[in-house]
Each structure stands twice: as structure tokens, then as C-alpha cells.
Amino acid sequence: MGDKTEDRKRRRRAPLDTPTDLKPAATRDIAGAMNAILADVYALYFKTKNFHWHLSGPHFRDYHLLFDEQGDQLFAMADPIAERIRKVGGSTIRSIGHVSRLQRVKDNDAEYVDPKDMLAELRENNKELAARLREVHDVCDEHRDIATASLIEVWIDETEKRTWFLFEAGRQGDSGK
């Protein structure tokens, strides 16, 4: 009886203590790295939607649809990232303020951004996100967290596709080269 009572008391003191076979250092490293990714994903989502909402010009419809599709894809990444952080025993971001402290994607609050500049900025942000995802993949490999690594592989592919589409949409035409 005493063991069960002590177990209940321990759980009350640490109600978010998720059981995992990962070592505490792995939980710390993976959760920290993934929280930074989550903050970047949210920041990139908001920037993509900002550009979607404030777009104008001759390619309005195409870019508007592209940004909407890419925003949806980024938003769809957020919950699996946060849940993965919890599954490995970590806690995740809790507020917009927390996102702003962790994000590495720079905000763009300009009143007007030229559509070509929107494409270029989002392209670079996605390219940087792919590189950061690769870095976190290395952390996961180091701690033998195969499940997080496999999710990251899919997100890298999706991020590279967004980068590619933004690059192609922003091309100035074929100069014969």
C-alpha cells in the first residue's frame, strides 16, 4: 500500500512527467531543440499568413493560393512537434511570448512588401528551417530518438518542397541559361 501512495504523491508533484526510456539529457536536448523548431514553425506560419493577407499585384491569385497552402502545411507541423516534445518527456512552448523568445525566423512588420520580396524572404526562411531541422535530426541520432528523427525527415522534405516552389515562383523567366 505504501508504494502506491508514494507513487501517487510523486505523480501529483510532477503531473507532466511523461514516462520515457530516454535519458534526462536526451529529453533536455531534444525538447530544447524541438521547442526552437516549434517557435520557428509558428513564426514562419504567421509570416506566411501575413504575406498571404497583404499580397497584391498581377500574380495575386497564384501567390495567394501558394502562401495559403504553405501556411496550412506549416500549421499542420505544429501539433505533431509539440506532441513529440511531450512524448520524449519535455514540456513545450506555452505562449506567443515564449515563441518570440525562441524564434529565429525574423518577423516582417512592414506596411508593404513587394510580392517578389515576399517570395524571396519566405524561400530563405524555409531554407534556414530545413538546415535547422537537419541539426535537430543530428541531436535525435545522437540520443537514438528514431521516432523524432523520422518525423523530421518528412518535415525536411516538405520544407525543401516549399523552398523549391517559392524559388520557381520567383524566377524572372528563362534567360536562356
N, C-alpha and C. Protein backbone atom coordinates (compact mmCIF):
# COMPACT_ATOMS: atom_id res chain seq x y z
N MET A 1 0.82 -1.19 0.00
CA MET A 1 0.00 0.00 0.00
C MET A 1 0.87 1.26 0.00
N GLY A 2 1.95 1.25 0.78
CA GLY A 2 2.83 2.40 0.89
C GLY A 2 3.45 2.78 -0.43
N ASP A 3 3.83 1.79 -1.26
CA ASP A 3 4.43 2.08 -2.56
C ASP A 3 3.45 2.80 -3.47
N LYS A 4 2.18 2.37 -3.47
CA LYS A 4 1.18 3.01 -4.31
C LYS A 4 0.91 4.44 -3.85
N THR A 5 0.87 4.66 -2.57
CA THR A 5 0.65 6.01 -2.04
C THR A 5 1.80 6.93 -2.41
N GLU A 6 3.03 6.44 -2.28
CA GLU A 6 4.20 7.24 -2.65
C GLU A 6 4.20 7.54 -4.15
N ASP A 7 3.80 6.56 -4.95
CA ASP A 7 3.74 6.76 -6.39
C ASP A 7 2.73 7.85 -6.75
N ARG A 8 1.56 7.82 -6.09
CA ARG A 8 0.55 8.85 -6.33
C ARG A 8 1.06 10.23 -5.92
N LYS A 9 1.74 10.30 -4.80
CA LYS A 9 2.29 11.58 -4.34
C LYS A 9 3.33 12.11 -5.33
N ARG A 10 4.17 11.22 -5.83
CA ARG A 10 5.18 11.62 -6.80
C ARG A 10 4.53 12.15 -8.07
N ARG A 11 3.49 11.48 -8.54
CA ARG A 11 2.80 11.92 -9.76
C ARG A 11 2.12 13.27 -9.56
N ARG A 12 1.60 13.53 -8.37
CA ARG A 12 0.99 14.83 -8.10
C ARG A 12 2.03 15.94 -8.12
N ARG A 13 3.23 15.64 -7.66
CA ARG A 13 4.31 16.64 -7.66
C ARG A 13 4.82 16.90 -9.07
N ALA A 14 4.73 15.91 -9.93
CA ALA A 14 5.22 16.04 -11.31
C ALA A 14 4.16 15.52 -12.27
N PRO A 15 3.02 16.22 -12.39
CA PRO A 15 1.92 15.69 -13.20
C PRO A 15 2.22 15.59 -14.68
N LEU A 16 3.22 16.30 -15.17
CA LEU A 16 3.56 16.24 -16.60
C LEU A 16 4.79 15.39 -16.86
N ASP A 17 5.18 14.60 -15.87
CA ASP A 17 6.34 13.73 -16.00
C ASP A 17 5.96 12.54 -16.88
N THR A 18 6.33 12.63 -18.17
CA THR A 18 5.98 11.59 -19.14
C THR A 18 7.00 10.46 -19.08
N PRO A 19 6.53 9.22 -18.96
CA PRO A 19 7.47 8.10 -18.93
C PRO A 19 8.18 7.94 -20.28
N THR A 20 9.48 7.77 -20.24
CA THR A 20 10.27 7.55 -21.45
C THR A 20 11.51 6.76 -21.09
N ASP A 21 12.02 6.01 -22.05
CA ASP A 21 13.27 5.30 -21.82
C ASP A 21 14.48 6.16 -22.17
N LEU A 22 14.23 7.37 -22.66
CA LEU A 22 15.33 8.28 -22.96
C LEU A 22 15.93 8.81 -21.66
N LYS A 23 17.20 9.05 -21.68
CA LYS A 23 17.90 9.62 -20.53
C LYS A 23 17.49 11.08 -20.35
N PRO A 24 17.61 11.60 -19.13
CA PRO A 24 17.26 13.02 -18.91
C PRO A 24 17.99 13.98 -19.84
N ALA A 25 19.24 13.71 -20.16
CA ALA A 25 19.98 14.58 -21.08
C ALA A 25 19.35 14.56 -22.47
N ALA A 26 18.88 13.41 -22.90
CA ALA A 26 18.23 13.30 -24.21
C ALA A 26 16.93 14.10 -24.21
N THR A 27 16.14 13.96 -23.17
CA THR A 27 14.91 14.72 -23.06
C THR A 27 15.20 16.22 -23.12
N ARG A 28 16.18 16.65 -22.36
CA ARG A 28 16.55 18.07 -22.33
C ARG A 28 17.00 18.55 -23.71
N ASP A 29 17.89 17.82 -24.35
CA ASP A 29 18.45 18.24 -25.65
C ASP A 29 17.39 18.21 -26.74
N ILE A 30 16.62 17.15 -26.82
CA ILE A 30 15.62 17.01 -27.88
C ILE A 30 14.49 18.00 -27.67
N ALA A 31 13.99 18.11 -26.44
CA ALA A 31 12.91 19.06 -26.18
C ALA A 31 13.36 20.49 -26.45
N GLY A 32 14.57 20.83 -26.04
CA GLY A 32 15.07 22.18 -26.30
C GLY A 32 15.18 22.49 -27.78
N ALA A 33 15.75 21.55 -28.52
CA ALA A 33 15.92 21.75 -29.96
C ALA A 33 14.56 21.78 -30.68
N MET A 34 13.66 20.92 -30.28
CA MET A 34 12.35 20.87 -30.93
C MET A 34 11.48 22.07 -30.56
N ASN A 35 11.62 22.60 -29.35
CA ASN A 35 10.88 23.82 -29.00
C ASN A 35 11.33 24.99 -29.86
N ALA A 36 12.63 25.08 -30.15
CA ALA A 36 13.11 26.13 -31.04
C ALA A 36 12.54 25.94 -32.44
N ILE A 37 12.46 24.70 -32.90
CA ILE A 37 11.84 24.42 -34.20
C ILE A 37 10.37 24.81 -34.17
N LEU A 38 9.68 24.46 -33.11
CA LEU A 38 8.27 24.80 -33.00
C LEU A 38 8.07 26.31 -33.04
N ALA A 39 8.91 27.06 -32.35
CA ALA A 39 8.82 28.52 -32.38
C ALA A 39 9.06 29.03 -33.80
N ASP A 40 10.05 28.47 -34.48
CA ASP A 40 10.32 28.87 -35.86
C ASP A 40 9.15 28.54 -36.78
N VAL A 41 8.54 27.38 -36.58
CA VAL A 41 7.40 26.99 -37.41
C VAL A 41 6.24 27.97 -37.21
N TYR A 42 5.96 28.32 -35.96
CA TYR A 42 4.89 29.29 -35.70
C TYR A 42 5.23 30.65 -36.31
N ALA A 43 6.47 31.11 -36.14
CA ALA A 43 6.87 32.41 -36.69
C ALA A 43 6.77 32.40 -38.21
N LEU A 44 7.20 31.31 -38.83
CA LEU A 44 7.12 31.21 -40.29
C LEU A 44 5.68 31.10 -40.75
N TYR A 45 4.85 30.41 -39.98
CA TYR A 45 3.42 30.32 -40.29
C TYR A 45 2.80 31.72 -40.29
N PHE A 46 3.05 32.48 -39.23
CA PHE A 46 2.48 33.83 -39.15
C PHE A 46 2.99 34.73 -40.27
N LYS A 47 4.28 34.63 -40.58
CA LYS A 47 4.84 35.44 -41.67
C LYS A 47 4.19 35.05 -43.00
N THR A 48 4.04 33.75 -43.23
CA THR A 48 3.43 33.28 -44.47
C THR A 48 1.99 33.78 -44.58
N LYS A 49 1.24 33.71 -43.48
CA LYS A 49 -0.14 34.20 -43.49
C LYS A 49 -0.17 35.72 -43.62
N ASN A 50 0.76 36.43 -43.01
CA ASN A 50 0.84 37.88 -43.16
C ASN A 50 1.00 38.23 -44.64
N PHE A 51 1.92 37.55 -45.31
CA PHE A 51 2.12 37.82 -46.73
C PHE A 51 0.88 37.41 -47.54
N HIS A 52 0.25 36.32 -47.17
CA HIS A 52 -0.99 35.87 -47.82
C HIS A 52 -2.07 36.94 -47.72
N TRP A 53 -2.19 37.55 -46.55
CA TRP A 53 -3.23 38.56 -46.32
C TRP A 53 -2.91 39.91 -46.97
N HIS A 54 -1.64 40.23 -47.16
CA HIS A 54 -1.25 41.56 -47.61
C HIS A 54 -0.63 41.55 -49.01
N LEU A 55 -0.97 40.58 -49.78
CA LEU A 55 -0.45 40.43 -51.12
C LEU A 55 -1.23 41.28 -52.11
N SER A 56 -0.54 41.80 -53.11
CA SER A 56 -1.21 42.50 -54.22
C SER A 56 -0.36 42.34 -55.47
N GLY A 57 -0.94 42.63 -56.59
CA GLY A 57 -0.18 42.59 -57.83
C GLY A 57 -0.70 41.59 -58.84
N PRO A 58 -0.01 41.51 -59.99
CA PRO A 58 -0.51 40.70 -61.10
C PRO A 58 -0.55 39.19 -60.82
N HIS A 59 0.23 38.71 -59.89
CA HIS A 59 0.23 37.27 -59.58
C HIS A 59 -0.52 36.99 -58.28
N PHE A 60 -1.42 37.91 -57.93
CA PHE A 60 -2.12 37.82 -56.66
C PHE A 60 -2.71 36.44 -56.41
N ARG A 61 -3.50 35.95 -57.33
CA ARG A 61 -4.21 34.68 -57.10
C ARG A 61 -3.24 33.52 -56.90
N ASP A 62 -2.24 33.41 -57.75
CA ASP A 62 -1.28 32.30 -57.64
C ASP A 62 -0.51 32.36 -56.33
N TYR A 63 0.01 33.54 -55.99
CA TYR A 63 0.79 33.67 -54.75
C TYR A 63 -0.10 33.53 -53.53
N HIS A 64 -1.30 34.08 -53.61
CA HIS A 64 -2.25 33.98 -52.50
C HIS A 64 -2.54 32.51 -52.19
N LEU A 65 -2.80 31.73 -53.21
CA LEU A 65 -3.06 30.30 -53.02
C LEU A 65 -1.81 29.56 -52.54
N LEU A 66 -0.65 29.90 -53.09
CA LEU A 66 0.61 29.28 -52.67
C LEU A 66 0.87 29.54 -51.20
N PHE A 67 0.75 30.80 -50.77
CA PHE A 67 1.02 31.14 -49.37
C PHE A 67 0.00 30.48 -48.44
N ASP A 68 -1.23 30.39 -48.88
CA ASP A 68 -2.26 29.73 -48.07
C ASP A 68 -1.93 28.25 -47.89
N GLU A 69 -1.58 27.59 -48.98
CA GLU A 69 -1.21 26.17 -48.93
C GLU A 69 0.00 25.96 -48.03
N GLN A 70 1.01 26.81 -48.19
CA GLN A 70 2.21 26.66 -47.38
C GLN A 70 1.94 26.97 -45.91
N GLY A 71 1.10 27.95 -45.64
CA GLY A 71 0.72 28.25 -44.26
C GLY A 71 0.01 27.07 -43.61
N ASP A 72 -0.90 26.45 -44.36
CA ASP A 72 -1.60 25.26 -43.83
C ASP A 72 -0.61 24.14 -43.52
N GLN A 73 0.37 23.96 -44.38
CA GLN A 73 1.36 22.91 -44.17
C GLN A 73 2.18 23.19 -42.91
N LEU A 74 2.59 24.44 -42.72
CA LEU A 74 3.35 24.81 -41.52
C LEU A 74 2.51 24.61 -40.26
N PHE A 75 1.26 25.07 -40.31
CA PHE A 75 0.39 24.92 -39.14
C PHE A 75 0.20 23.45 -38.79
N ALA A 76 0.12 22.60 -39.82
CA ALA A 76 -0.07 21.17 -39.59
C ALA A 76 1.15 20.53 -38.92
N MET A 77 2.30 21.16 -39.00
CA MET A 77 3.51 20.63 -38.34
C MET A 77 3.49 20.88 -36.83
N ALA A 78 2.83 21.94 -36.41
CA ALA A 78 2.94 22.40 -35.02
C ALA A 78 2.51 21.36 -33.99
N ASP A 79 1.34 20.80 -34.15
CA ASP A 79 0.85 19.85 -33.15
C ASP A 79 1.71 18.60 -33.05
N PRO A 80 2.10 17.98 -34.16
CA PRO A 80 2.99 16.82 -34.04
C PRO A 80 4.34 17.16 -33.39
N ILE A 81 4.85 18.36 -33.64
CA ILE A 81 6.11 18.75 -32.99
C ILE A 81 5.90 18.85 -31.49
N ALA A 82 4.85 19.56 -31.08
CA ALA A 82 4.59 19.73 -29.64
C ALA A 82 4.31 18.38 -28.97
N GLU A 83 3.54 17.53 -29.62
CA GLU A 83 3.25 16.22 -29.04
C GLU A 83 4.50 15.37 -28.94
N ARG A 84 5.39 15.49 -29.90
CA ARG A 84 6.64 14.73 -29.85
C ARG A 84 7.48 15.20 -28.66
N ILE A 85 7.52 16.49 -28.43
CA ILE A 85 8.26 17.02 -27.28
C ILE A 85 7.71 16.43 -25.99
N ARG A 86 6.39 16.36 -25.89
CA ARG A 86 5.77 15.80 -24.68
C ARG A 86 6.05 14.29 -24.58
N LYS A 87 6.03 13.58 -25.70
CA LYS A 87 6.27 12.13 -25.68
C LYS A 87 7.66 11.78 -25.20
N VAL A 88 8.64 12.65 -25.46
CA VAL A 88 10.00 12.36 -25.01
C VAL A 88 10.24 12.86 -23.59
N GLY A 89 9.19 13.40 -22.96
CA GLY A 89 9.30 13.80 -21.56
C GLY A 89 9.54 15.28 -21.33
N GLY A 90 9.50 16.08 -22.37
CA GLY A 90 9.72 17.52 -22.22
C GLY A 90 8.43 18.29 -22.09
N SER A 91 8.56 19.57 -21.85
CA SER A 91 7.39 20.45 -21.91
C SER A 91 7.62 21.40 -23.06
N THR A 92 6.54 21.93 -23.56
CA THR A 92 6.62 22.71 -24.78
C THR A 92 6.26 24.18 -24.55
N ILE A 93 6.36 24.95 -25.61
CA ILE A 93 6.05 26.37 -25.51
C ILE A 93 4.62 26.58 -25.04
N ARG A 94 4.41 27.71 -24.37
CA ARG A 94 3.11 27.94 -23.75
C ARG A 94 2.43 29.24 -24.17
N SER A 95 3.13 30.09 -24.93
CA SER A 95 2.54 31.39 -25.24
C SER A 95 3.22 32.02 -26.45
N ILE A 96 2.60 33.07 -26.95
CA ILE A 96 3.19 33.85 -28.03
C ILE A 96 4.52 34.45 -27.56
N GLY A 97 4.55 34.90 -26.31
CA GLY A 97 5.79 35.43 -25.75
C GLY A 97 6.90 34.41 -25.75
N HIS A 98 6.56 33.17 -25.41
CA HIS A 98 7.55 32.09 -25.41
C HIS A 98 8.06 31.85 -26.83
N VAL A 99 7.14 31.88 -27.79
CA VAL A 99 7.54 31.75 -29.20
C VAL A 99 8.52 32.86 -29.56
N SER A 100 8.20 34.10 -29.17
CA SER A 100 9.06 35.23 -29.56
C SER A 100 10.44 35.14 -28.93
N ARG A 101 10.54 34.51 -27.76
CA ARG A 101 11.86 34.36 -27.12
C ARG A 101 12.70 33.29 -27.81
N LEU A 102 12.07 32.31 -28.43
CA LEU A 102 12.79 31.18 -29.03
C LEU A 102 12.96 31.29 -30.54
N GLN A 103 12.10 32.02 -31.22
CA GLN A 103 12.11 32.04 -32.69
C GLN A 103 13.39 32.63 -33.24
N ARG A 104 13.82 32.04 -34.34
CA ARG A 104 14.96 32.56 -35.08
C ARG A 104 14.54 33.14 -36.42
N VAL A 105 13.31 32.87 -36.83
CA VAL A 105 12.74 33.46 -38.04
C VAL A 105 12.38 34.91 -37.69
N LYS A 106 12.92 35.83 -38.45
CA LYS A 106 12.66 37.25 -38.19
C LYS A 106 11.27 37.65 -38.67
N ASP A 107 10.57 38.43 -37.85
CA ASP A 107 9.27 38.96 -38.25
C ASP A 107 9.44 39.99 -39.36
N ASN A 108 8.38 40.20 -40.12
CA ASN A 108 8.35 41.26 -41.11
C ASN A 108 7.05 42.03 -40.88
N ASP A 109 7.17 43.19 -40.25
CA ASP A 109 6.02 44.03 -39.94
C ASP A 109 5.87 45.21 -40.89
N ALA A 110 6.54 45.15 -42.03
CA ALA A 110 6.49 46.26 -42.97
C ALA A 110 5.06 46.48 -43.46
N GLU A 111 4.74 47.73 -43.69
CA GLU A 111 3.41 48.10 -44.20
C GLU A 111 3.17 47.48 -45.58
N TYR A 112 4.20 47.48 -46.43
CA TYR A 112 4.08 46.90 -47.76
C TYR A 112 5.37 46.14 -48.08
N VAL A 113 5.20 44.95 -48.63
CA VAL A 113 6.33 44.15 -49.10
C VAL A 113 6.01 43.75 -50.54
N ASP A 114 6.94 44.00 -51.44
CA ASP A 114 6.76 43.61 -52.83
C ASP A 114 6.61 42.09 -52.91
N PRO A 115 5.70 41.59 -53.74
CA PRO A 115 5.49 40.14 -53.83
C PRO A 115 6.77 39.34 -54.11
N LYS A 116 7.65 39.85 -54.96
CA LYS A 116 8.91 39.14 -55.24
C LYS A 116 9.77 39.07 -53.98
N ASP A 117 9.74 40.12 -53.16
CA ASP A 117 10.48 40.11 -51.89
C ASP A 117 9.85 39.13 -50.90
N MET A 118 8.52 39.02 -50.93
CA MET A 118 7.84 38.03 -50.09
C MET A 118 8.33 36.63 -50.44
N LEU A 119 8.33 36.33 -51.74
CA LEU A 119 8.78 35.01 -52.20
C LEU A 119 10.22 34.74 -51.75
N ALA A 120 11.08 35.73 -51.94
CA ALA A 120 12.49 35.55 -51.60
C ALA A 120 12.68 35.37 -50.09
N GLU A 121 11.97 36.17 -49.31
CA GLU A 121 12.11 36.08 -47.85
C GLU A 121 11.61 34.74 -47.33
N LEU A 122 10.45 34.32 -47.79
CA LEU A 122 9.92 33.02 -47.37
C LEU A 122 10.80 31.87 -47.84
N ARG A 123 11.36 32.01 -49.05
CA ARG A 123 12.27 30.98 -49.56
C ARG A 123 13.48 30.84 -48.63
N GLU A 124 14.08 31.94 -48.26
CA GLU A 124 15.25 31.90 -47.37
C GLU A 124 14.87 31.37 -45.99
N ASN A 125 13.73 31.77 -45.48
CA ASN A 125 13.28 31.28 -44.17
C ASN A 125 13.07 29.77 -44.19
N ASN A 126 12.47 29.27 -45.26
CA ASN A 126 12.26 27.82 -45.37
C ASN A 126 13.59 27.09 -45.54
N LYS A 127 14.49 27.66 -46.30
CA LYS A 127 15.82 27.05 -46.47
C LYS A 127 16.54 26.96 -45.12
N GLU A 128 16.45 28.01 -44.33
CA GLU A 128 17.05 28.02 -42.99
C GLU A 128 16.37 26.99 -42.07
N LEU A 129 15.04 26.88 -42.19
CA LEU A 129 14.32 25.89 -41.39
C LEU A 129 14.78 24.49 -41.73
N ALA A 130 14.98 24.19 -43.00
CA ALA A 130 15.47 22.86 -43.40
C ALA A 130 16.83 22.58 -42.77
N ALA A 131 17.70 23.57 -42.77
CA ALA A 131 19.03 23.39 -42.16
C ALA A 131 18.92 23.15 -40.66
N ARG A 132 18.02 23.87 -40.01
CA ARG A 132 17.83 23.69 -38.56
C ARG A 132 17.23 22.32 -38.25
N LEU A 133 16.33 21.88 -39.11
CA LEU A 133 15.75 20.53 -38.93
C LEU A 133 16.85 19.47 -39.05
N ARG A 134 17.78 19.65 -39.95
CA ARG A 134 18.89 18.71 -40.08
C ARG A 134 19.74 18.69 -38.80
N GLU A 135 19.95 19.87 -38.22
CA GLU A 135 20.72 19.95 -36.97
C GLU A 135 20.01 19.19 -35.85
N VAL A 136 18.69 19.34 -35.77
CA VAL A 136 17.93 18.64 -34.73
C VAL A 136 17.93 17.13 -35.02
N HIS A 137 17.91 16.76 -36.28
CA HIS A 137 17.99 15.34 -36.65
C HIS A 137 19.28 14.75 -36.07
N ASP A 138 20.38 15.50 -36.16
CA ASP A 138 21.65 15.04 -35.59
C ASP A 138 21.54 14.83 -34.07
N VAL A 139 20.85 15.73 -33.40
CA VAL A 139 20.63 15.60 -31.95
C VAL A 139 19.84 14.33 -31.66
N CYS A 140 18.81 14.09 -32.45
CA CYS A 140 17.99 12.88 -32.27
C CYS A 140 18.81 11.62 -32.53
N ASP A 141 19.64 11.64 -33.56
CA ASP A 141 20.51 10.49 -33.85
C ASP A 141 21.46 10.23 -32.68
N GLU A 142 22.00 11.30 -32.14
CA GLU A 142 22.94 11.17 -31.02
C GLU A 142 22.29 10.47 -29.82
N HIS A 143 21.00 10.72 -29.62
CA HIS A 143 20.29 10.14 -28.47
C HIS A 143 19.43 8.93 -28.86
N ARG A 144 19.58 8.48 -30.10
CA ARG A 144 18.86 7.30 -30.60
C ARG A 144 17.33 7.48 -30.56
N ASP A 145 16.87 8.71 -30.81
CA ASP A 145 15.44 9.00 -30.88
C ASP A 145 14.98 8.87 -32.32
N ILE A 146 14.73 7.65 -32.71
CA ILE A 146 14.38 7.31 -34.08
C ILE A 146 13.04 7.91 -34.50
N ALA A 147 12.08 7.91 -33.59
CA ALA A 147 10.74 8.41 -33.92
C ALA A 147 10.77 9.90 -34.28
N THR A 148 11.43 10.71 -33.47
CA THR A 148 11.51 12.14 -33.79
C THR A 148 12.30 12.34 -35.08
N ALA A 149 13.39 11.60 -35.24
CA ALA A 149 14.20 11.72 -36.46
C ALA A 149 13.39 11.40 -37.71
N SER A 150 12.54 10.38 -37.64
CA SER A 150 11.76 10.03 -38.83
C SER A 150 10.72 11.09 -39.16
N LEU A 151 10.13 11.73 -38.15
CA LEU A 151 9.21 12.84 -38.41
C LEU A 151 9.97 14.01 -39.05
N ILE A 152 11.14 14.28 -38.53
CA ILE A 152 11.95 15.38 -39.05
C ILE A 152 12.29 15.16 -40.52
N GLU A 153 12.53 13.92 -40.91
CA GLU A 153 12.85 13.62 -42.31
C GLU A 153 11.70 14.04 -43.23
N VAL A 154 10.47 13.79 -42.82
CA VAL A 154 9.31 14.19 -43.60
C VAL A 154 9.22 15.72 -43.65
N TRP A 155 9.45 16.37 -42.50
CA TRP A 155 9.37 17.84 -42.47
C TRP A 155 10.47 18.48 -43.30
N ILE A 156 11.63 17.87 -43.35
CA ILE A 156 12.69 18.39 -44.21
C ILE A 156 12.23 18.34 -45.67
N ASP A 157 11.66 17.22 -46.08
CA ASP A 157 11.19 17.08 -47.45
C ASP A 157 10.11 18.12 -47.76
N GLU A 158 9.17 18.31 -46.85
CA GLU A 158 8.11 19.30 -47.06
C GLU A 158 8.70 20.72 -47.14
N THR A 159 9.66 20.99 -46.28
CA THR A 159 10.29 22.31 -46.24
C THR A 159 11.08 22.57 -47.52
N GLU A 160 11.79 21.55 -47.99
CA GLU A 160 12.51 21.68 -49.26
C GLU A 160 11.53 21.92 -50.41
N LYS A 161 10.38 21.29 -50.38
CA LYS A 161 9.39 21.50 -51.43
C LYS A 161 8.87 22.93 -51.40
N ARG A 162 8.60 23.46 -50.18
CA ARG A 162 8.18 24.85 -50.08
C ARG A 162 9.25 25.78 -50.64
N THR A 163 10.51 25.51 -50.30
CA THR A 163 11.63 26.32 -50.79
C THR A 163 11.69 26.28 -52.31
N TRP A 164 11.55 25.11 -52.87
CA TRP A 164 11.59 24.93 -54.32
C TRP A 164 10.45 25.71 -55.00
N PHE A 165 9.22 25.57 -54.47
CA PHE A 165 8.08 26.26 -55.08
C PHE A 165 8.26 27.77 -55.00
N LEU A 166 8.75 28.27 -53.88
CA LEU A 166 8.98 29.71 -53.73
C LEU A 166 10.07 30.18 -54.69
N PHE A 167 11.10 29.37 -54.87
CA PHE A 167 12.17 29.70 -55.81
C PHE A 167 11.61 29.78 -57.23
N GLU A 168 10.88 28.76 -57.64
CA GLU A 168 10.36 28.72 -59.01
C GLU A 168 9.34 29.83 -59.25
N ALA A 169 8.50 30.12 -58.26
CA ALA A 169 7.51 31.19 -58.42
C ALA A 169 8.17 32.55 -58.55
N GLY A 170 9.36 32.71 -57.99
CA GLY A 170 10.06 33.98 -58.02
C GLY A 170 11.03 34.16 -59.16
N ARG A 171 11.15 33.15 -60.00
CA ARG A 171 12.10 33.26 -61.13
C ARG A 171 11.62 34.35 -62.09
N GLN A 172 12.60 35.02 -62.71
CA GLN A 172 12.30 36.15 -63.61
C GLN A 172 12.07 35.70 -65.05
N GLY A 173 12.04 34.44 -65.28
CA GLY A 173 11.88 33.94 -66.64
C GLY A 173 13.15 33.30 -67.13
N ASP A 174 13.06 32.63 -68.23
CA ASP A 174 14.20 31.91 -68.78
C ASP A 174 15.08 32.88 -69.55
N SER A 175 16.29 33.03 -69.09
CA SER A 175 17.23 33.93 -69.79
C SER A 175 18.11 33.15 -70.78
N GLY A 176 17.73 31.90 -71.04
CA GLY A 176 18.49 31.09 -71.98
C GLY A 176 19.64 30.36 -71.34
N LYS A 177 19.80 30.47 -70.05
CA LYS A 177 20.92 29.83 -69.36
C LYS A 177 20.50 28.53 -68.75
